[in-house]
Amino acid sequence: MQETTTHSAKPPYKSVAVALLFSVLLGPLGLLYASFWGGVAMIGLAMLVFSAKLLFTSSLFWISCSIWAVGAVESYNRRLAKSET
């Protein structure tokens, strides 16, 4: 007799280190790894921020993309772990 087991395909966890690396190097494009819609929104906002040519504002924008990426990946991984139990 053979036993049949069903395995549900679950998406893999995302790496916080990779999300941080992508967002530090690529800014809003790197945010796409962590949060697709967040990345799309920040790319649109980046066009406005960088066209203003303000260095300090651009730096704050880049840092906020990195913070958002780390938070989005942590939230995603928590939701995934919660659904496994």
N, C-alpha and C. Protein backbone atom coordinates (compact mmCIF):
# COMPACT_ATOMS: atom_id res chain seq x y z
N MET A 1 0.83 -1.18 0.00
CA MET A 1 0.00 0.00 0.00
C MET A 1 0.87 1.24 0.00
N GLN A 2 0.45 2.17 -0.78
CA GLN A 2 1.18 3.43 -0.84
C GLN A 2 0.36 4.51 -0.16
N GLU A 3 1.06 5.31 0.58
CA GLU A 3 0.40 6.45 1.20
C GLU A 3 0.62 7.67 0.31
N THR A 4 -0.41 8.41 0.13
CA THR A 4 -0.28 9.64 -0.65
C THR A 4 -0.27 10.81 0.31
N THR A 5 0.69 11.63 0.14
CA THR A 5 0.77 12.84 0.96
C THR A 5 0.61 14.04 0.06
N THR A 6 -0.05 15.01 0.58
CA THR A 6 -0.21 16.23 -0.18
C THR A 6 0.68 17.31 0.42
N HIS A 7 1.43 17.91 -0.44
CA HIS A 7 2.29 19.01 -0.01
C HIS A 7 1.78 20.28 -0.68
N SER A 8 1.50 21.23 0.14
CA SER A 8 1.09 22.51 -0.44
C SER A 8 2.34 23.35 -0.71
N ALA A 9 2.38 23.91 -1.86
CA ALA A 9 3.52 24.73 -2.24
C ALA A 9 3.43 26.07 -1.53
N LYS A 10 4.39 26.34 -0.68
CA LYS A 10 4.42 27.61 0.05
C LYS A 10 5.57 28.44 -0.47
N PRO A 11 5.35 29.72 -0.60
CA PRO A 11 6.45 30.57 -1.08
C PRO A 11 7.59 30.61 -0.06
N PRO A 12 8.81 30.75 -0.53
CA PRO A 12 9.96 30.77 0.39
C PRO A 12 10.03 32.10 1.14
N TYR A 13 10.74 32.05 2.25
CA TYR A 13 10.98 33.28 3.00
C TYR A 13 11.87 34.20 2.17
N LYS A 14 11.75 35.50 2.42
CA LYS A 14 12.62 36.47 1.77
C LYS A 14 13.73 36.83 2.74
N SER A 15 14.89 37.15 2.21
CA SER A 15 16.05 37.49 3.02
C SER A 15 16.07 38.99 3.33
N VAL A 16 16.20 39.31 4.61
CA VAL A 16 16.29 40.70 5.03
C VAL A 16 17.60 41.32 4.51
N ALA A 17 18.67 40.54 4.53
CA ALA A 17 19.96 41.04 4.06
C ALA A 17 19.92 41.39 2.57
N VAL A 18 19.26 40.54 1.78
CA VAL A 18 19.16 40.80 0.35
C VAL A 18 18.30 42.03 0.10
N ALA A 19 17.20 42.15 0.85
CA ALA A 19 16.33 43.32 0.70
C ALA A 19 17.08 44.60 1.02
N LEU A 20 17.87 44.57 2.10
CA LEU A 20 18.65 45.76 2.48
C LEU A 20 19.71 46.07 1.43
N LEU A 21 20.39 45.05 0.94
CA LEU A 21 21.42 45.26 -0.08
C LEU A 21 20.82 45.85 -1.35
N PHE A 22 19.71 45.27 -1.82
CA PHE A 22 19.07 45.79 -3.03
C PHE A 22 18.62 47.23 -2.85
N SER A 23 18.01 47.53 -1.70
CA SER A 23 17.49 48.88 -1.50
C SER A 23 18.59 49.92 -1.29
N VAL A 24 19.68 49.51 -0.69
CA VAL A 24 20.80 50.45 -0.52
C VAL A 24 21.46 50.74 -1.87
N LEU A 25 21.62 49.71 -2.69
CA LEU A 25 22.28 49.89 -3.98
C LEU A 25 21.36 50.49 -5.04
N LEU A 26 20.08 50.08 -5.03
CA LEU A 26 19.18 50.46 -6.11
C LEU A 26 18.04 51.39 -5.69
N GLY A 27 17.92 51.66 -4.40
CA GLY A 27 16.86 52.56 -3.92
C GLY A 27 15.48 51.98 -4.17
N PRO A 28 14.60 52.74 -4.81
CA PRO A 28 13.24 52.27 -5.02
C PRO A 28 13.14 51.04 -5.92
N LEU A 29 14.09 50.85 -6.81
CA LEU A 29 14.09 49.63 -7.62
C LEU A 29 14.36 48.40 -6.76
N GLY A 30 15.23 48.54 -5.78
CA GLY A 30 15.52 47.45 -4.85
C GLY A 30 14.35 47.14 -3.94
N LEU A 31 13.51 48.13 -3.71
CA LEU A 31 12.32 47.92 -2.89
C LEU A 31 11.33 46.97 -3.56
N LEU A 32 11.42 46.84 -4.86
CA LEU A 32 10.53 45.91 -5.58
C LEU A 32 10.68 44.48 -5.08
N TYR A 33 11.87 44.09 -4.61
CA TYR A 33 12.08 42.74 -4.07
C TYR A 33 11.23 42.52 -2.82
N ALA A 34 11.16 43.53 -1.98
CA ALA A 34 10.45 43.39 -0.71
C ALA A 34 8.95 43.63 -0.85
N SER A 35 8.58 44.64 -1.60
CA SER A 35 7.17 45.01 -1.73
C SER A 35 6.96 45.57 -3.13
N PHE A 36 6.24 44.82 -3.94
CA PHE A 36 6.06 45.25 -5.33
C PHE A 36 5.36 46.60 -5.41
N TRP A 37 4.21 46.72 -4.76
CA TRP A 37 3.45 47.97 -4.85
C TRP A 37 4.16 49.11 -4.13
N GLY A 38 4.89 48.81 -3.06
CA GLY A 38 5.69 49.83 -2.42
C GLY A 38 6.79 50.33 -3.34
N GLY A 39 7.41 49.42 -4.07
CA GLY A 39 8.43 49.80 -5.04
C GLY A 39 7.88 50.65 -6.16
N VAL A 40 6.71 50.27 -6.66
CA VAL A 40 6.09 51.05 -7.73
C VAL A 40 5.77 52.46 -7.25
N ALA A 41 5.22 52.56 -6.04
CA ALA A 41 4.88 53.87 -5.49
C ALA A 41 6.13 54.73 -5.28
N MET A 42 7.18 54.12 -4.76
CA MET A 42 8.40 54.89 -4.50
C MET A 42 9.14 55.26 -5.79
N ILE A 43 9.02 54.45 -6.83
CA ILE A 43 9.62 54.82 -8.12
C ILE A 43 8.92 56.07 -8.66
N GLY A 44 7.59 56.10 -8.54
CA GLY A 44 6.85 57.29 -8.97
C GLY A 44 7.24 58.51 -8.15
N LEU A 45 7.34 58.34 -6.84
CA LEU A 45 7.73 59.44 -5.97
C LEU A 45 9.18 59.86 -6.22
N ALA A 46 10.03 58.90 -6.58
CA ALA A 46 11.44 59.21 -6.85
C ALA A 46 11.59 60.17 -8.02
N MET A 47 10.71 60.03 -8.99
CA MET A 47 10.78 60.94 -10.14
C MET A 47 10.57 62.39 -9.69
N LEU A 48 9.69 62.59 -8.75
CA LEU A 48 9.45 63.94 -8.23
C LEU A 48 10.59 64.42 -7.34
N VAL A 49 11.04 63.54 -6.44
CA VAL A 49 12.08 63.93 -5.47
C VAL A 49 13.39 64.24 -6.18
N PHE A 50 13.79 63.38 -7.10
CA PHE A 50 15.08 63.58 -7.75
C PHE A 50 15.05 64.70 -8.79
N SER A 51 13.87 64.99 -9.31
CA SER A 51 13.80 66.11 -10.25
C SER A 51 13.93 67.45 -9.52
N ALA A 52 13.66 67.46 -8.21
CA ALA A 52 13.82 68.68 -7.41
C ALA A 52 15.30 68.99 -7.17
N LYS A 53 16.16 68.00 -7.34
CA LYS A 53 17.61 68.14 -7.22
C LYS A 53 18.05 68.65 -5.85
N LEU A 54 17.37 68.18 -4.81
CA LEU A 54 17.76 68.52 -3.44
C LEU A 54 18.49 67.32 -2.84
N LEU A 55 19.76 67.49 -2.55
CA LEU A 55 20.59 66.38 -2.09
C LEU A 55 20.10 65.80 -0.77
N PHE A 56 19.77 66.63 0.19
CA PHE A 56 19.34 66.13 1.50
C PHE A 56 18.03 65.36 1.39
N THR A 57 17.08 65.89 0.65
CA THR A 57 15.79 65.22 0.47
C THR A 57 15.97 63.89 -0.26
N SER A 58 16.84 63.87 -1.24
CA SER A 58 17.12 62.64 -1.98
C SER A 58 17.75 61.60 -1.08
N SER A 59 18.63 62.03 -0.20
CA SER A 59 19.27 61.10 0.75
C SER A 59 18.25 60.52 1.71
N LEU A 60 17.37 61.35 2.23
CA LEU A 60 16.32 60.86 3.13
C LEU A 60 15.39 59.89 2.40
N PHE A 61 15.10 60.18 1.16
CA PHE A 61 14.25 59.31 0.36
C PHE A 61 14.91 57.94 0.19
N TRP A 62 16.19 57.92 -0.12
CA TRP A 62 16.92 56.67 -0.33
C TRP A 62 16.93 55.84 0.96
N ILE A 63 17.16 56.50 2.10
CA ILE A 63 17.18 55.82 3.40
C ILE A 63 15.80 55.27 3.73
N SER A 64 14.75 56.03 3.41
CA SER A 64 13.39 55.55 3.70
C SER A 64 13.05 54.33 2.86
N CYS A 65 13.57 54.24 1.65
CA CYS A 65 13.37 53.03 0.83
C CYS A 65 14.01 51.82 1.50
N SER A 66 15.19 52.01 2.08
CA SER A 66 15.88 50.91 2.76
C SER A 66 15.12 50.47 4.00
N ILE A 67 14.64 51.41 4.77
CA ILE A 67 13.88 51.08 5.97
C ILE A 67 12.59 50.36 5.60
N TRP A 68 11.91 50.84 4.58
CA TRP A 68 10.66 50.23 4.13
C TRP A 68 10.92 48.79 3.66
N ALA A 69 12.01 48.57 2.94
CA ALA A 69 12.33 47.24 2.43
C ALA A 69 12.53 46.24 3.57
N VAL A 70 13.28 46.64 4.58
CA VAL A 70 13.52 45.74 5.72
C VAL A 70 12.20 45.44 6.44
N GLY A 71 11.40 46.47 6.68
CA GLY A 71 10.12 46.27 7.35
C GLY A 71 9.17 45.41 6.54
N ALA A 72 9.15 45.58 5.24
CA ALA A 72 8.25 44.80 4.37
C ALA A 72 8.65 43.32 4.37
N VAL A 73 9.93 43.03 4.34
CA VAL A 73 10.38 41.63 4.35
C VAL A 73 10.10 40.99 5.70
N GLU A 74 10.32 41.72 6.79
CA GLU A 74 10.02 41.16 8.11
C GLU A 74 8.53 40.88 8.24
N SER A 75 7.70 41.77 7.75
CA SER A 75 6.26 41.57 7.80
C SER A 75 5.84 40.37 6.94
N TYR A 76 6.41 40.25 5.77
CA TYR A 76 6.12 39.13 4.87
C TYR A 76 6.50 37.81 5.53
N ASN A 77 7.68 37.75 6.12
CA ASN A 77 8.15 36.52 6.77
C ASN A 77 7.29 36.16 7.98
N ARG A 78 6.84 37.16 8.75
CA ARG A 78 5.94 36.90 9.89
C ARG A 78 4.62 36.30 9.41
N ARG A 79 4.04 36.90 8.34
CA ARG A 79 2.79 36.37 7.79
C ARG A 79 2.96 34.94 7.30
N LEU A 80 4.09 34.66 6.67
CA LEU A 80 4.35 33.32 6.15
C LEU A 80 4.50 32.32 7.30
N ALA A 81 5.22 32.70 8.35
CA ALA A 81 5.39 31.81 9.51
C ALA A 81 4.07 31.58 10.22
N LYS A 82 3.24 32.60 10.29
CA LYS A 82 1.95 32.47 10.95
C LYS A 82 1.02 31.52 10.17
N SER A 83 1.11 31.55 8.86
CA SER A 83 0.24 30.69 8.05
C SER A 83 0.69 29.23 8.08
N GLU A 84 1.94 28.97 8.47
CA GLU A 84 2.44 27.60 8.53
C GLU A 84 1.94 26.87 9.78
N THR A 85 1.57 27.62 10.79
CA THR A 85 1.14 26.96 12.04
C THR A 85 -0.31 26.61 12.03
